[in-house]
Amino acid sequence: MAGTSSPDCTGDYREAGIYSLEPYYRRTDGAYFIWKHEGYNQYFVSPVKGVYEDSWSTAVGTRLGVCTPHGTYTGSPLMCV
């Protein structure tokens, strides 16, 4: 993840397992996850898998590109995993 965000979700992510039948990724310090919400067909970045009220999300169907903030989160991080 690159770009700007508040709180800061940028950093290095590594594949960490399977969630909703898709790979999920965890930031190397463990603070954030990238995971797919099966119902929305979008990838989300949040501190807890499955919780998207405060998060960032990708465009439908991709896990690459500029993310949209939700809830109290701001900024436009760039998902590139």
Protein backbone atom coordinates (compact mmCIF):
# COMPACT_ATOMS: atom_id res chain seq x y z
CA MET A 1 0.00 0.00 0.00
CA ALA A 2 1.21 3.45 -0.88
CA GLY A 3 -0.28 6.95 -0.95
CA THR A 4 -1.83 8.85 1.92
CA SER A 5 -4.40 7.81 4.48
CA SER A 6 -5.55 8.63 7.98
CA PRO A 7 -5.06 6.50 9.92
CA ASP A 8 -1.98 5.34 8.02
CA CYS A 9 -2.64 1.97 6.36
CA THR A 10 0.32 2.17 3.98
CA GLY A 11 3.17 -0.31 4.19
CA ASP A 12 4.14 -3.82 3.18
CA TYR A 13 1.50 -6.55 3.12
CA ARG A 14 2.02 -10.29 2.78
CA GLU A 15 -0.45 -13.04 1.91
CA ALA A 16 -1.61 -14.52 5.21
CA GLY A 17 -4.34 -17.05 4.42
CA ILE A 18 -7.84 -17.45 2.98
CA TYR A 19 -10.93 -15.39 3.87
CA SER A 20 -14.26 -15.65 1.98
CA LEU A 21 -12.62 -18.14 -0.41
CA GLU A 22 -10.00 -15.54 -1.47
CA PRO A 23 -6.46 -14.80 -0.30
CA TYR A 24 -6.18 -12.11 2.35
CA TYR A 25 -3.12 -10.02 3.18
CA ARG A 26 -1.76 -8.72 6.48
CA ARG A 27 0.50 -5.72 6.96
CA THR A 28 3.89 -6.87 8.23
CA ASP A 29 3.30 -5.22 11.63
CA GLY A 30 -0.12 -6.91 11.90
CA ALA A 31 -2.12 -3.67 12.18
CA TYR A 32 -4.21 -3.95 8.96
CA PHE A 33 -5.69 -6.54 6.63
CA ILE A 34 -6.65 -6.54 2.97
CA TRP A 35 -9.60 -8.87 2.49
CA LYS A 36 -12.44 -9.46 0.05
CA HIS A 37 -16.07 -8.86 0.97
CA GLU A 38 -17.86 -11.57 -0.97
CA GLY A 39 -21.23 -9.76 -1.09
CA TYR A 40 -19.79 -6.50 -2.48
CA ASN A 41 -17.09 -8.13 -4.68
CA GLN A 42 -14.64 -5.53 -3.36
CA TYR A 43 -11.42 -5.63 -1.39
CA PHE A 44 -11.28 -3.71 1.87
CA VAL A 45 -8.43 -2.49 4.07
CA SER A 46 -9.27 -2.48 7.77
CA PRO A 47 -7.81 -3.40 11.16
CA VAL A 48 -10.27 -6.32 11.46
CA LYS A 49 -11.23 -8.75 8.66
CA GLY A 50 -14.96 -8.54 7.98
CA VAL A 51 -15.42 -5.05 9.46
CA TYR A 52 -15.81 -2.39 6.79
CA GLU A 53 -17.54 0.55 8.52
CA ASP A 54 -14.15 2.25 9.03
CA SER A 55 -12.07 1.11 6.07
CA TRP A 56 -10.96 1.78 2.51
CA SER A 57 -12.22 -0.19 -0.49
CA THR A 58 -11.25 -0.84 -4.08
CA ALA A 59 -13.41 -0.58 -7.17
CA VAL A 60 -15.72 -3.56 -7.67
CA GLY A 61 -13.92 -6.67 -8.92
CA THR A 62 -10.29 -5.61 -8.39
CA ARG A 63 -7.74 -5.36 -5.61
CA LEU A 64 -5.57 -2.85 -7.47
CA GLY A 65 -5.84 0.92 -7.62
CA VAL A 66 -6.85 3.94 -5.56
CA CYS A 67 -9.09 3.11 -2.60
CA THR A 68 -12.18 4.96 -1.39
CA PRO A 69 -12.43 5.83 2.34
CA HIS A 70 -15.44 4.83 4.48
CA GLY A 71 -16.61 5.94 7.92
CA THR A 72 -14.10 8.09 9.77
CA TYR A 73 -11.15 7.12 7.56
CA THR A 74 -9.74 9.58 5.01
CA GLY A 75 -7.22 9.67 2.20
CA SER A 76 -6.68 7.72 -0.98
CA PRO A 77 -4.24 4.87 -0.43
CA LEU A 78 -3.12 2.89 -3.46
CA MET A 79 -3.62 -0.85 -3.22
CA CYS A 80 -0.96 -2.73 -5.15
CA VAL A 81 -0.85 -6.31 -3.78
